[in-house]
Amino acid sequence: MTPQTIIVHDAAQQTRAAKIILALPLSQPFDVTIAPHVDRRSNEQNARLWKLHTLAAEHIGCSAEDAHEDALCRHFGFTEVKMPSGDVKRIPLKRSSQRDKAEFAKFMEATEIFYVSELGVFLP
């Protein structure tokens, strides 16, 4: 069975969710999790962030992924891990993909401010 997520926002969705649960075969166990819905960052927010990272990366000569990791560490904090080579790598404490829209917007704003003030890089 393919995993499903159902956002229950009205009686019809509630009925649909109940029917799916009642139709599950009892021959094997299933995980069912009920939790309040949280709006995650939008695709538009994410696309804008990556455009900004790409501009900043081109400006300083690194990859957009490196710029993203640095921004995550700067905004959310990080832990340091010693690699087998002896190098020390910074690991962000939070990932942007798991932020809700409001927290992602704060991260985006802080990143934009940093890029403008420190690198002179911005999106119109």
PDB file of N, CA and C in Angstrom:
ATOM      1  N   MET A   1       0.852  -1.186   0.000  1.00  0.00           N
ATOM      2  CA  MET A   1       0.000   0.000   0.000  1.00  0.00           C
ATOM      3  C   MET A   1       0.887   1.236   0.000  1.00  0.00           C
ATOM      4  N   THR A   2       0.539   2.205  -0.801  1.00  0.00           N
ATOM      5  CA  THR A   2       1.274   3.460  -0.859  1.00  0.00           C
ATOM      6  C   THR A   2       0.879   4.332   0.333  1.00  0.00           C
ATOM      7  N   PRO A   3       1.863   4.895   1.046  1.00  0.00           N
ATOM      8  CA  PRO A   3       1.523   5.780   2.168  1.00  0.00           C
ATOM      9  C   PRO A   3       0.678   6.963   1.704  1.00  0.00           C
ATOM     10  N   GLN A   4      -0.231   7.376   2.555  1.00  0.00           N
ATOM     11  CA  GLN A   4      -1.120   8.497   2.230  1.00  0.00           C
ATOM     12  C   GLN A   4      -1.126   9.514   3.367  1.00  0.00           C
ATOM     13  N   THR A   5      -1.266  10.762   2.987  1.00  0.00           N
ATOM     14  CA  THR A   5      -1.486  11.821   3.955  1.00  0.00           C
ATOM     15  C   THR A   5      -2.811  12.470   3.599  1.00  0.00           C
ATOM     16  N   ILE A   6      -3.673  12.589   4.562  1.00  0.00           N
ATOM     17  CA  ILE A   6      -4.978  13.215   4.349  1.00  0.00           C
ATOM     18  C   ILE A   6      -5.074  14.410   5.284  1.00  0.00           C
ATOM     19  N   ILE A   7      -5.327  15.562   4.722  1.00  0.00           N
ATOM     20  CA  ILE A   7      -5.539  16.761   5.531  1.00  0.00           C
ATOM     21  C   ILE A   7      -7.041  16.871   5.768  1.00  0.00           C
ATOM     22  N   VAL A   8      -7.441  16.690   6.994  1.00  0.00           N
ATOM     23  CA  VAL A   8      -8.863  16.710   7.343  1.00  0.00           C
ATOM     24  C   VAL A   8      -9.249  18.135   7.706  1.00  0.00           C
ATOM     25  N   HIS A   9     -10.013  18.753   6.828  1.00  0.00           N
ATOM     26  CA  HIS A   9     -10.442  20.132   7.046  1.00  0.00           C
ATOM     27  C   HIS A   9     -11.948  20.291   6.957  1.00  0.00           C
ATOM     28  N   ASP A  10     -12.650  19.197   6.661  1.00  0.00           N
ATOM     29  CA  ASP A  10     -14.110  19.253   6.623  1.00  0.00           C
ATOM     30  C   ASP A  10     -14.664  17.846   6.848  1.00  0.00           C
ATOM     31  N   ALA A  11     -15.979  17.742   6.930  1.00  0.00           N
ATOM     32  CA  ALA A  11     -16.623  16.463   7.226  1.00  0.00           C
ATOM     33  C   ALA A  11     -16.368  15.428   6.135  1.00  0.00           C
ATOM     34  N   ALA A  12     -16.304  15.857   4.884  1.00  0.00           N
ATOM     35  CA  ALA A  12     -16.064  14.915   3.785  1.00  0.00           C
ATOM     36  C   ALA A  12     -14.680  14.274   3.911  1.00  0.00           C
ATOM     37  N   GLN A  13     -13.680  15.069   4.237  1.00  0.00           N
ATOM     38  CA  GLN A  13     -12.333  14.527   4.412  1.00  0.00           C
ATOM     39  C   GLN A  13     -12.269  13.619   5.642  1.00  0.00           C
ATOM     40  N   GLN A  14     -12.994  13.963   6.666  1.00  0.00           N
ATOM     41  CA  GLN A  14     -13.038  13.139   7.868  1.00  0.00           C
ATOM     42  C   GLN A  14     -13.645  11.770   7.543  1.00  0.00           C
ATOM     43  N   THR A  15     -14.726  11.775   6.773  1.00  0.00           N
ATOM     44  CA  THR A  15     -15.376  10.532   6.357  1.00  0.00           C
ATOM     45  C   THR A  15     -14.436   9.702   5.486  1.00  0.00           C
ATOM     46  N   ARG A  16     -13.739  10.354   4.564  1.00  0.00           N
ATOM     47  CA  ARG A  16     -12.784   9.659   3.682  1.00  0.00           C
ATOM     48  C   ARG A  16     -11.687   8.989   4.506  1.00  0.00           C
ATOM     49  N   ALA A  17     -11.148   9.704   5.485  1.00  0.00           N
ATOM     50  CA  ALA A  17     -10.090   9.151   6.326  1.00  0.00           C
ATOM     51  C   ALA A  17     -10.602   7.939   7.105  1.00  0.00           C
ATOM     52  N   ALA A  18     -11.797   8.047   7.636  1.00  0.00           N
ATOM     53  CA  ALA A  18     -12.379   6.937   8.405  1.00  0.00           C
ATOM     54  C   ALA A  18     -12.578   5.716   7.510  1.00  0.00           C
ATOM     55  N   LYS A  19     -13.054   5.914   6.276  1.00  0.00           N
ATOM     56  CA  LYS A  19     -13.264   4.794   5.350  1.00  0.00           C
ATOM     57  C   LYS A  19     -11.948   4.100   5.017  1.00  0.00           C
ATOM     58  N   ILE A  20     -10.892   4.882   4.822  1.00  0.00           N
ATOM     59  CA  ILE A  20      -9.580   4.298   4.513  1.00  0.00           C
ATOM     60  C   ILE A  20      -9.095   3.458   5.678  1.00  0.00           C
ATOM     61  N   ILE A  21      -9.237   3.967   6.898  1.00  0.00           N
ATOM     62  CA  ILE A  21      -8.795   3.217   8.078  1.00  0.00           C
ATOM     63  C   ILE A  21      -9.630   1.948   8.248  1.00  0.00           C
ATOM     64  N   LEU A  22     -10.937   2.048   8.068  1.00  0.00           N
ATOM     65  CA  LEU A  22     -11.795   0.874   8.223  1.00  0.00           C
ATOM     66  C   LEU A  22     -11.543  -0.176   7.145  1.00  0.00           C
ATOM     67  N   ALA A  23     -11.012   0.219   5.995  1.00  0.00           N
ATOM     68  CA  ALA A  23     -10.747  -0.724   4.910  1.00  0.00           C
ATOM     69  C   ALA A  23      -9.391  -1.412   5.025  1.00  0.00           C
ATOM     70  N   LEU A  24      -8.570  -1.004   5.990  1.00  0.00           N
ATOM     71  CA  LEU A  24      -7.253  -1.626   6.138  1.00  0.00           C
ATOM     72  C   LEU A  24      -7.396  -3.096   6.513  1.00  0.00           C
ATOM     73  N   PRO A  25      -6.627  -3.959   5.860  1.00  0.00           N
ATOM     74  CA  PRO A  25      -6.691  -5.369   6.235  1.00  0.00           C
ATOM     75  C   PRO A  25      -6.069  -5.580   7.621  1.00  0.00           C
ATOM     76  N   LEU A  26      -6.680  -6.413   8.416  1.00  0.00           N
ATOM     77  CA  LEU A  26      -6.189  -6.663   9.765  1.00  0.00           C
ATOM     78  C   LEU A  26      -5.125  -7.759   9.785  1.00  0.00           C
ATOM     79  N   SER A  27      -4.739  -8.237   8.604  1.00  0.00           N
ATOM     80  CA  SER A  27      -3.730  -9.290   8.521  1.00  0.00           C
ATOM     81  C   SER A  27      -2.318  -8.769   8.774  1.00  0.00           C
ATOM     82  N   GLN A  28      -2.169  -7.463   8.779  1.00  0.00           N
ATOM     83  CA  GLN A  28      -0.861  -6.875   9.088  1.00  0.00           C
ATOM     84  C   GLN A  28      -1.080  -5.563   9.825  1.00  0.00           C
ATOM     85  N   PRO A  29      -0.120  -5.142  10.635  1.00  0.00           N
ATOM     86  CA  PRO A  29      -0.282  -3.869  11.348  1.00  0.00           C
ATOM     87  C   PRO A  29       0.006  -2.664  10.439  1.00  0.00           C
ATOM     88  N   PHE A  30      -0.603  -1.542  10.732  1.00  0.00           N
ATOM     89  CA  PHE A  30      -0.379  -0.288  10.019  1.00  0.00           C
ATOM     90  C   PHE A  30      -0.092   0.805  11.037  1.00  0.00           C
ATOM     91  N   ASP A  31       0.741   1.757  10.659  1.00  0.00           N
ATOM     92  CA  ASP A  31       0.955   2.952  11.471  1.00  0.00           C
ATOM     93  C   ASP A  31      -0.063   3.993  11.053  1.00  0.00           C
ATOM     94  N   VAL A  32      -0.783   4.546  12.003  1.00  0.00           N
ATOM     95  CA  VAL A  32      -1.721   5.627  11.742  1.00  0.00           C
ATOM     96  C   VAL A  32      -1.384   6.737  12.730  1.00  0.00           C
ATOM     97  N   THR A  33      -1.063   7.902  12.211  1.00  0.00           N
ATOM     98  CA  THR A  33      -0.700   9.034  13.054  1.00  0.00           C
ATOM     99  C   THR A  33      -1.688  10.160  12.814  1.00  0.00           C
ATOM    100  N   ILE A  34      -2.237  10.695  13.871  1.00  0.00           N
ATOM    101  CA  ILE A  34      -3.145  11.838  13.786  1.00  0.00           C
ATOM    102  C   ILE A  34      -2.452  12.998  14.500  1.00  0.00           C
ATOM    103  N   ALA A  35      -2.265  14.103  13.798  1.00  0.00           N
ATOM    104  CA  ALA A  35      -1.589  15.266  14.382  1.00  0.00           C
ATOM    105  C   ALA A  35      -2.156  16.532  13.758  1.00  0.00           C
ATOM    106  N   PRO A  36      -2.060  17.638  14.465  1.00  0.00           N
ATOM    107  CA  PRO A  36      -2.506  18.903  13.865  1.00  0.00           C
ATOM    108  C   PRO A  36      -1.702  19.193  12.597  1.00  0.00           C
ATOM    109  N   HIS A  37      -2.383  19.726  11.601  1.00  0.00           N
ATOM    110  CA  HIS A  37      -1.728  20.060  10.337  1.00  0.00           C
ATOM    111  C   HIS A  37      -0.905  21.336  10.487  1.00  0.00           C
ATOM    112  N   VAL A  38       0.299  21.326   9.930  1.00  0.00           N
ATOM    113  CA  VAL A  38       1.168  22.497   9.918  1.00  0.00           C
ATOM    114  C   VAL A  38       1.507  22.806   8.474  1.00  0.00           C
ATOM    115  N   ASP A  39       1.224  24.022   8.028  1.00  0.00           N
ATOM    116  CA  ASP A  39       1.578  24.408   6.664  1.00  0.00           C
ATOM    117  C   ASP A  39       3.090  24.507   6.557  1.00  0.00           C
ATOM    118  N   ARG A  40       3.685  23.679   5.723  1.00  0.00           N
ATOM    119  CA  ARG A  40       5.127  23.722   5.494  1.00  0.00           C
ATOM    120  C   ARG A  40       5.444  24.832   4.511  1.00  0.00           C
ATOM    121  N   ARG A  41       6.715  25.139   4.382  1.00  0.00           N
ATOM    122  CA  ARG A  41       7.141  26.183   3.455  1.00  0.00           C
ATOM    123  C   ARG A  41       6.582  25.880   2.071  1.00  0.00           C
ATOM    124  N   SER A  42       6.293  26.938   1.332  1.00  0.00           N
ATOM    125  CA  SER A  42       5.709  26.760   0.008  1.00  0.00           C
ATOM    126  C   SER A  42       6.804  26.510  -1.029  1.00  0.00           C
ATOM    127  N   ASN A  43       6.406  25.969  -2.155  1.00  0.00           N
ATOM    128  CA  ASN A  43       7.353  25.768  -3.259  1.00  0.00           C
ATOM    129  C   ASN A  43       7.909  27.102  -3.746  1.00  0.00           C
ATOM    130  N   GLU A  44       7.074  28.138  -3.722  1.00  0.00           N
ATOM    131  CA  GLU A  44       7.517  29.465  -4.153  1.00  0.00           C
ATOM    132  C   GLU A  44       8.585  30.013  -3.207  1.00  0.00           C
ATOM    133  N   GLN A  45       8.378  29.841  -1.897  1.00  0.00           N
ATOM    134  CA  GLN A  45       9.379  30.281  -0.920  1.00  0.00           C
ATOM    135  C   GLN A  45      10.703  29.551  -1.157  1.00  0.00           C
ATOM    136  N   ASN A  46      10.617  28.254  -1.350  1.00  0.00           N
ATOM    137  CA  ASN A  46      11.814  27.450  -1.534  1.00  0.00           C
ATOM    138  C   ASN A  46      12.551  27.837  -2.824  1.00  0.00           C
ATOM    139  N   ALA A  47      11.803  28.059  -3.901  1.00  0.00           N
ATOM    140  CA  ALA A  47      12.423  28.438  -5.176  1.00  0.00           C
ATOM    141  C   ALA A  47      13.155  29.773  -5.042  1.00  0.00           C
ATOM    142  N   ARG A  48      12.553  30.723  -4.359  1.00  0.00           N
ATOM    143  CA  ARG A  48      13.206  32.027  -4.161  1.00  0.00           C
ATOM    144  C   ARG A  48      14.494  31.881  -3.351  1.00  0.00           C
ATOM    145  N   LEU A  49      14.447  31.070  -2.304  1.00  0.00           N
ATOM    146  CA  LEU A  49      15.639  30.851  -1.489  1.00  0.00           C
ATOM    147  C   LEU A  49      16.776  30.278  -2.327  1.00  0.00           C
ATOM    148  N   TRP A  50      16.479  29.293  -3.152  1.00  0.00           N
ATOM    149  CA  TRP A  50      17.531  28.666  -3.950  1.00  0.00           C
ATOM    150  C   TRP A  50      18.054  29.590  -5.042  1.00  0.00           C
ATOM    151  N   LYS A  51      17.213  30.472  -5.576  1.00  0.00           N
ATOM    152  CA  LYS A  51      17.708  31.494  -6.526  1.00  0.00           C
ATOM    153  C   LYS A  51      18.707  32.403  -5.818  1.00  0.00           C
ATOM    154  N   LEU A  52      18.375  32.778  -4.599  1.00  0.00           N
ATOM    155  CA  LEU A  52      19.250  33.648  -3.816  1.00  0.00           C
ATOM    156  C   LEU A  52      20.568  32.942  -3.482  1.00  0.00           C
ATOM    157  N   HIS A  53      20.477  31.678  -3.051  1.00  0.00           N
ATOM    158  CA  HIS A  53      21.698  30.914  -2.772  1.00  0.00           C
ATOM    159  C   HIS A  53      22.578  30.802  -4.023  1.00  0.00           C
ATOM    160  N   THR A  54      21.949  30.602  -5.162  1.00  0.00           N
ATOM    161  CA  THR A  54      22.700  30.465  -6.414  1.00  0.00           C
ATOM    162  C   THR A  54      23.442  31.754  -6.737  1.00  0.00           C
ATOM    163  N   LEU A  55      22.770  32.895  -6.582  1.00  0.00           N
ATOM    164  CA  LEU A  55      23.434  34.189  -6.820  1.00  0.00           C
ATOM    165  C   LEU A  55      24.599  34.394  -5.865  1.00  0.00           C
ATOM    166  N   ALA A  56      24.387  34.111  -4.592  1.00  0.00           N
ATOM    167  CA  ALA A  56      25.442  34.284  -3.592  1.00  0.00           C
ATOM    168  C   ALA A  56      26.612  33.341  -3.884  1.00  0.00           C
ATOM    169  N   ALA A  57      26.306  32.108  -4.246  1.00  0.00           N
ATOM    170  CA  ALA A  57      27.346  31.122  -4.529  1.00  0.00           C
ATOM    171  C   ALA A  57      28.186  31.539  -5.734  1.00  0.00           C
ATOM    172  N   GLU A  58      27.534  32.031  -6.767  1.00  0.00           N
ATOM    173  CA  GLU A  58      28.267  32.499  -7.952  1.00  0.00           C
ATOM    174  C   GLU A  58      29.162  33.680  -7.590  1.00  0.00           C
ATOM    175  N   HIS A  59      28.681  34.525  -6.708  1.00  0.00           N
ATOM    176  CA  HIS A  59      29.425  35.713  -6.297  1.00  0.00           C
ATOM    177  C   HIS A  59      30.709  35.357  -5.539  1.00  0.00           C
ATOM    178  N   ILE A  60      30.636  34.330  -4.681  1.00  0.00           N
ATOM    179  CA  ILE A  60      31.811  34.003  -3.864  1.00  0.00           C
ATOM    180  C   ILE A  60      32.564  32.764  -4.335  1.00  0.00           C
ATOM    181  N   GLY A  61      31.989  32.010  -5.288  1.00  0.00           N
ATOM    182  CA  GLY A  61      32.708  30.866  -5.849  1.00  0.00           C
ATOM    183  C   GLY A  61      32.529  29.554  -5.125  1.00  0.00           C
ATOM    184  N   CYS A  62      31.338  29.328  -4.612  1.00  0.00           N
ATOM    185  CA  CYS A  62      31.048  28.019  -4.013  1.00  0.00           C
ATOM    186  C   CYS A  62      29.774  27.486  -4.655  1.00  0.00           C
ATOM    187  N   SER A  63      29.288  26.349  -4.187  1.00  0.00           N
ATOM    188  CA  SER A  63      28.036  25.808  -4.723  1.00  0.00           C
ATOM    189  C   SER A  63      26.847  26.392  -3.963  1.00  0.00           C
ATOM    190  N   ALA A  64      25.678  26.353  -4.589  1.00  0.00           N
ATOM    191  CA  ALA A  64      24.451  26.809  -3.921  1.00  0.00           C
ATOM    192  C   ALA A  64      24.177  25.948  -2.681  1.00  0.00           C
ATOM    193  N   GLU A  65      24.516  24.659  -2.766  1.00  0.00           N
ATOM    194  CA  GLU A  65      24.324  23.764  -1.626  1.00  0.00           C
ATOM    195  C   GLU A  65      25.208  24.193  -0.450  1.00  0.00           C
ATOM    196  N   ASP A  66      26.462  24.598  -0.749  1.00  0.00           N
ATOM    197  CA  ASP A  66      27.349  25.080   0.313  1.00  0.00           C
ATOM    198  C   ASP A  66      26.802  26.365   0.937  1.00  0.00           C
ATOM    199  N   ALA A  67      26.294  27.264   0.096  1.00  0.00           N
ATOM    200  CA  ALA A  67      25.714  28.511   0.601  1.00  0.00           C
ATOM    201  C   ALA A  67      24.501  28.203   1.489  1.00  0.00           C
ATOM    202  N   HIS A  68      23.697  27.222   1.082  1.00  0.00           N
ATOM    203  CA  HIS A  68      22.526  26.838   1.858  1.00  0.00           C
ATOM    204  C   HIS A  68      22.935  26.276   3.222  1.00  0.00           C
ATOM    205  N   GLU A  69      23.905  25.371   3.239  1.00  0.00           N
ATOM    206  CA  GLU A  69      24.374  24.795   4.499  1.00  0.00           C
ATOM    207  C   GLU A  69      24.900  25.881   5.431  1.00  0.00           C
ATOM    208  N   ASP A  70      25.650  26.829   4.870  1.00  0.00           N
ATOM    209  CA  ASP A  70      26.185  27.923   5.675  1.00  0.00           C
ATOM    210  C   ASP A  70      25.057  28.774   6.255  1.00  0.00           C
ATOM    211  N   ALA A  71      24.054  29.068   5.446  1.00  0.00           N
ATOM    212  CA  ALA A  71      22.917  29.872   5.914  1.00  0.00           C
ATOM    213  C   ALA A  71      22.161  29.145   7.032  1.00  0.00           C
ATOM    214  N   LEU A  72      21.970  27.831   6.876  1.00  0.00           N
ATOM    215  CA  LEU A  72      21.296  27.052   7.922  1.00  0.00           C
ATOM    216  C   LEU A  72      22.079  27.113   9.227  1.00  0.00           C
ATOM    217  N   CYS A  73      23.398  26.935   9.141  1.00  0.00           N
ATOM    218  CA  CYS A  73      24.239  26.980  10.346  1.00  0.00           C
ATOM    219  C   CYS A  73      24.201  28.354  10.996  1.00  0.00           C
ATOM    220  N   ARG A  74      24.241  29.397  10.175  1.00  0.00           N
ATOM    221  CA  ARG A  74      24.247  30.765  10.695  1.00  0.00           C
ATOM    222  C   ARG A  74      22.919  31.076  11.399  1.00  0.00           C
ATOM    223  N   HIS A  75      21.822  30.629  10.821  1.00  0.00           N
ATOM    224  CA  HIS A  75      20.506  30.980  11.357  1.00  0.00           C
ATOM    225  C   HIS A  75      20.049  30.056  12.497  1.00  0.00           C
ATOM    226  N   PHE A  76      20.219  28.765  12.338  1.00  0.00           N
ATOM    227  CA  PHE A  76      19.678  27.801  13.300  1.00  0.00           C
ATOM    228  C   PHE A  76      20.722  27.257  14.279  1.00  0.00           C
ATOM    229  N   GLY A  77      21.977  27.614  14.062  1.00  0.00           N
ATOM    230  CA  GLY A  77      23.040  27.056  14.885  1.00  0.00           C
ATOM    231  C   GLY A  77      23.534  25.744  14.295  1.00  0.00           C
ATOM    232  N   PHE A  78      24.609  25.227  14.865  1.00  0.00           N
ATOM    233  CA  PHE A  78      25.206  24.017  14.314  1.00  0.00           C
ATOM    234  C   PHE A  78      25.953  23.248  15.386  1.00  0.00           C
ATOM    235  N   THR A  79      26.270  22.026  15.046  1.00  0.00           N
ATOM    236  CA  THR A  79      27.163  21.205  15.852  1.00  0.00           C
ATOM    237  C   THR A  79      28.355  20.856  14.969  1.00  0.00           C
ATOM    238  N   GLU A  80      29.492  20.626  15.588  1.00  0.00           N
ATOM    239  CA  GLU A  80      30.685  20.273  14.819  1.00  0.00           C
ATOM    240  C   GLU A  80      30.956  18.785  14.974  1.00  0.00           C
ATOM    241  N   VAL A  81      31.277  18.144  13.853  1.00  0.00           N
ATOM    242  CA  VAL A  81      31.551  16.716  13.833  1.00  0.00           C
ATOM    243  C   VAL A  81      32.928  16.505  13.230  1.00  0.00           C
ATOM    244  N   LYS A  82      33.744  15.730  13.919  1.00  0.00           N
ATOM    245  CA  LYS A  82      35.077  15.428  13.390  1.00  0.00           C
ATOM    246  C   LYS A  82      34.937  14.270  12.410  1.00  0.00           C
ATOM    247  N   MET A  83      35.397  14.496  11.192  1.00  0.00           N
ATOM    248  CA  MET A  83      35.310  13.508  10.136  1.00  0.00           C
ATOM    249  C   MET A  83      36.511  12.561  10.213  1.00  0.00           C
ATOM    250  N   PRO A  84      36.425  11.388   9.572  1.00  0.00           N
ATOM    251  CA  PRO A  84      37.551  10.447   9.592  1.00  0.00           C
ATOM    252  C   PRO A  84      38.864  11.056   9.079  1.00  0.00           C
ATOM    253  N   SER A  85      38.767  12.027   8.186  1.00  0.00           N
ATOM    254  CA  SER A  85      39.961  12.673   7.643  1.00  0.00           C
ATOM    255  C   SER A  85      40.624  13.607   8.651  1.00  0.00           C
ATOM    256  N   GLY A  86      39.897  13.907   9.720  1.00  0.00           N
ATOM    257  CA  GLY A  86      40.393  14.857  10.701  1.00  0.00           C
ATOM    258  C   GLY A  86      39.779  16.238  10.531  1.00  0.00           C
ATOM    259  N   ASP A  87      39.151  16.472   9.375  1.00  0.00           N
ATOM    260  CA  ASP A  87      38.468  17.743   9.148  1.00  0.00           C
ATOM    261  C   ASP A  87      37.264  17.856  10.084  1.00  0.00           C
ATOM    262  N   VAL A  88      36.888  19.073  10.383  1.00  0.00           N
ATOM    263  CA  VAL A  88      35.712  19.318  11.210  1.00  0.00           C
ATOM    264  C   VAL A  88      34.617  19.887  10.310  1.00  0.00           C
ATOM    265  N   LYS A  89      33.456  19.269  10.364  1.00  0.00           N
ATOM    266  CA  LYS A  89      32.325  19.681   9.534  1.00  0.00           C
ATOM    267  C   LYS A  89      31.231  20.252  10.422  1.00  0.00           C
ATOM    268  N   ARG A  90      30.636  21.366   9.963  1.00  0.00           N
ATOM    269  CA  ARG A  90      29.503  21.949  10.691  1.00  0.00           C
ATOM    270  C   ARG A  90      28.206  21.313  10.181  1.00  0.00           C
ATOM    271  N   ILE A  91      27.366  20.887  11.100  1.00  0.00           N
ATOM    272  CA  ILE A  91      26.078  20.277  10.768  1.00  0.00           C
ATOM    273  C   ILE A  91      24.981  21.174  11.342  1.00  0.00           C
ATOM    274  N   PRO A  92      24.073  21.705  10.485  1.00  0.00           N
ATOM    275  CA  PRO A  92      23.006  22.576  10.994  1.00  0.00           C
ATOM    276  C   PRO A  92      22.094  21.831  11.976  1.00  0.00           C
ATOM    277  N   LEU A  93      21.611  22.560  12.977  1.00  0.00           N
ATOM    278  CA  LEU A  93      20.711  21.967  13.971  1.00  0.00           C
ATOM    279  C   LEU A  93      19.296  21.768  13.430  1.00  0.00           C
ATOM    280  N   LYS A  94      18.933  22.541  12.400  1.00  0.00           N
ATOM    281  CA  LYS A  94      17.610  22.404  11.787  1.00  0.00           C
ATOM    282  C   LYS A  94      17.764  22.476  10.270  1.00  0.00           C
ATOM    283  N   ARG A  95      16.833  21.845   9.568  1.00  0.00           N
ATOM    284  CA  ARG A  95      16.776  21.887   8.107  1.00  0.00           C
ATOM    285  C   ARG A  95      15.618  22.794   7.689  1.00  0.00           C
ATOM    286  N   SER A  96      15.753  23.478   6.591  1.00  0.00           N
ATOM    287  CA  SER A  96      14.700  24.396   6.144  1.00  0.00           C
ATOM    288  C   SER A  96      13.464  23.652   5.653  1.00  0.00           C
ATOM    289  N   SER A  97      13.638  22.443   5.164  1.00  0.00           N
ATOM    290  CA  SER A  97      12.507  21.688   4.613  1.00  0.00           C
ATOM    291  C   SER A  97      11.469  21.329   5.669  1.00  0.00           C
ATOM    292  N   GLN A  98      11.859  21.336   6.924  1.00  0.00           N
ATOM    293  CA  GLN A  98      10.934  20.972   7.998  1.00  0.00           C
ATOM    294  C   GLN A  98      10.310  22.181   8.696  1.00  0.00           C
ATOM    295  N   ARG A  99      10.590  23.369   8.224  1.00  0.00           N
ATOM    296  CA  ARG A  99      10.063  24.588   8.845  1.00  0.00           C
ATOM    297  C   ARG A  99       8.660  24.877   8.323  1.00  0.00           C
ATOM    298  N   ASP A 100       7.838  25.471   9.185  1.00  0.00           N
ATOM    299  CA  ASP A 100       6.532  25.922   8.711  1.00  0.00           C
ATOM    300  C   ASP A 100       6.728  27.235   7.954  1.00  0.00           C
ATOM    301  N   LYS A 101       5.658  27.724   7.351  1.00  0.00           N
ATOM    302  CA  LYS A 101       5.775  28.915   6.503  1.00  0.00           C
ATOM    303  C   LYS A 101       6.342  30.119   7.245  1.00  0.00           C
ATOM    304  N   ALA A 102       5.904  30.328   8.475  1.00  0.00           N
ATOM    305  CA  ALA A 102       6.358  31.496   9.236  1.00  0.00           C
ATOM    306  C   ALA A 102       7.833  31.384   9.596  1.00  0.00           C
ATOM    307  N   GLU A 103       8.261  30.219  10.076  1.00  0.00           N
ATOM    308  CA  GLU A 103       9.663  30.049  10.454  1.00  0.00           C
ATOM    309  C   GLU A 103      10.570  30.092   9.222  1.00  0.00           C
ATOM    310  N   PHE A 104      10.092  29.530   8.114  1.00  0.00           N
ATOM    311  CA  PHE A 104      10.858  29.585   6.875  1.00  0.00           C
ATOM    312  C   PHE A 104      11.008  31.029   6.410  1.00  0.00           C
ATOM    313  N   ALA A 105       9.941  31.814   6.544  1.00  0.00           N
ATOM    314  CA  ALA A 105       9.996  33.227   6.140  1.00  0.00           C
ATOM    315  C   ALA A 105      11.043  33.980   6.966  1.00  0.00           C
ATOM    316  N   LYS A 106      11.138  33.693   8.262  1.00  0.00           N
ATOM    317  CA  LYS A 106      12.157  34.335   9.107  1.00  0.00           C
ATOM    318  C   LYS A 106      13.561  33.935   8.656  1.00  0.00           C
ATOM    319  N   PHE A 107      13.735  32.657   8.331  1.00  0.00           N
ATOM    320  CA  PHE A 107      15.022  32.170   7.834  1.00  0.00           C
ATOM    321  C   PHE A 107      15.374  32.865   6.512  1.00  0.00           C
ATOM    322  N   MET A 108      14.388  32.962   5.626  1.00  0.00           N
ATOM    323  CA  MET A 108      14.600  33.602   4.327  1.00  0.00           C
ATOM    324  C   MET A 108      14.977  35.071   4.510  1.00  0.00           C
ATOM    325  N   GLU A 109      14.277  35.768   5.380  1.00  0.00           N
ATOM    326  CA  GLU A 109      14.564  37.180   5.619  1.00  0.00           C
ATOM    327  C   GLU A 109      15.976  37.374   6.175  1.00  0.00           C
ATOM    328  N   ALA A 110      16.355  36.550   7.143  1.00  0.00           N
ATOM    329  CA  ALA A 110      17.698  36.648   7.719  1.00  0.00           C
ATOM    330  C   ALA A 110      18.769  36.357   6.670  1.00  0.00           C
ATOM    331  N   THR A 111      18.500  35.394   5.810  1.00  0.00           N
ATOM    332  CA  THR A 111      19.452  35.041   4.749  1.00  0.00           C
ATOM    333  C   THR A 111      19.573  36.177   3.751  1.00  0.00           C
ATOM    334  N   GLU A 112      18.444  36.765   3.362  1.00  0.00           N
ATOM    335  CA  GLU A 112      18.477  37.890   2.424  1.00  0.00           C
ATOM    336  C   GLU A 112      19.239  39.077   3.015  1.00  0.00           C
ATOM    337  N   ILE A 113      18.987  39.388   4.271  1.00  0.00           N
ATOM    338  CA  ILE A 113      19.678  40.502   4.928  1.00  0.00           C
ATOM    339  C   ILE A 113      21.185  40.251   4.948  1.00  0.00           C
ATOM    340  N   PHE A 114      21.580  39.034   5.282  1.00  0.00           N
ATOM    341  CA  PHE A 114      23.005  38.702   5.315  1.00  0.00           C
ATOM    342  C   PHE A 114      23.631  38.850   3.927  1.00  0.00           C
ATOM    343  N   TYR A 115      22.996  38.291   2.913  1.00  0.00           N
ATOM    344  CA  TYR A 115      23.557  38.353   1.557  1.00  0.00           C
ATOM    345  C   TYR A 115      23.656  39.785   1.046  1.00  0.00           C
ATOM    346  N   VAL A 116      22.662  40.610   1.351  1.00  0.00           N
ATOM    347  CA  VAL A 116      22.697  42.011   0.913  1.00  0.00           C
ATOM    348  C   VAL A 116      23.787  42.769   1.663  1.00  0.00           C
ATOM    349  N   SER A 117      23.807  42.637   2.980  1.00  0.00           N
ATOM    350  CA  SER A 117      24.741  43.436   3.775  1.00  0.00           C
ATOM    351  C   SER A 117      26.184  42.963   3.652  1.00  0.00           C
ATOM    352  N   GLU A 118      26.398  41.667   3.537  1.00  0.00           N
ATOM    353  CA  GLU A 118      27.756  41.131   3.509  1.00  0.00           C
ATOM    354  C   GLU A 118      28.318  40.919   2.102  1.00  0.00           C
ATOM    355  N   LEU A 119      27.428  40.603   1.139  1.00  0.00           N
ATOM    356  CA  LEU A 119      27.895  40.278  -0.209  1.00  0.00           C
ATOM    357  C   LEU A 119      27.389  41.242  -1.294  1.00  0.00           C
ATOM    358  N   GLY A 120      26.412  42.047  -0.944  1.00  0.00           N
ATOM    359  CA  GLY A 120      25.813  42.917  -1.956  1.00  0.00           C
ATOM    360  C   GLY A 120      24.979  42.148  -2.968  1.00  0.00           C
ATOM    361  N   VAL A 121      24.507  40.972  -2.589  1.00  0.00           N
ATOM    362  CA  VAL A 121      23.722  40.093  -3.470  1.00  0.00           C
ATOM    363  C   VAL A 121      22.269  40.168  -3.042  1.00  0.00           C
ATOM    364  N   PHE A 122      21.364  40.360  -4.023  1.00  0.00           N
ATOM    365  CA  PHE A 122      19.934  40.409  -3.702  1.00  0.00           C
ATOM    366  C   PHE A 122      19.118  40.040  -4.913  1.00  0.00           C
ATOM    367  N   LEU A 123      17.874  39.677  -4.656  1.00  0.00           N
ATOM    368  CA  LEU A 123      16.902  39.425  -5.720  1.00  0.00           C
ATOM    369  C   LEU A 123      16.000  40.643  -5.817  1.00  0.00           C
ATOM    370  N   PRO A 124      15.650  41.025  -7.033  1.00  0.00           N
ATOM    371  CA  PRO A 124      14.754  42.185  -7.176  1.00  0.00           C
ATOM    372  C   PRO A 124      13.355  41.875  -6.666  1.00  0.00           C
TER     373      PRO A 124
END
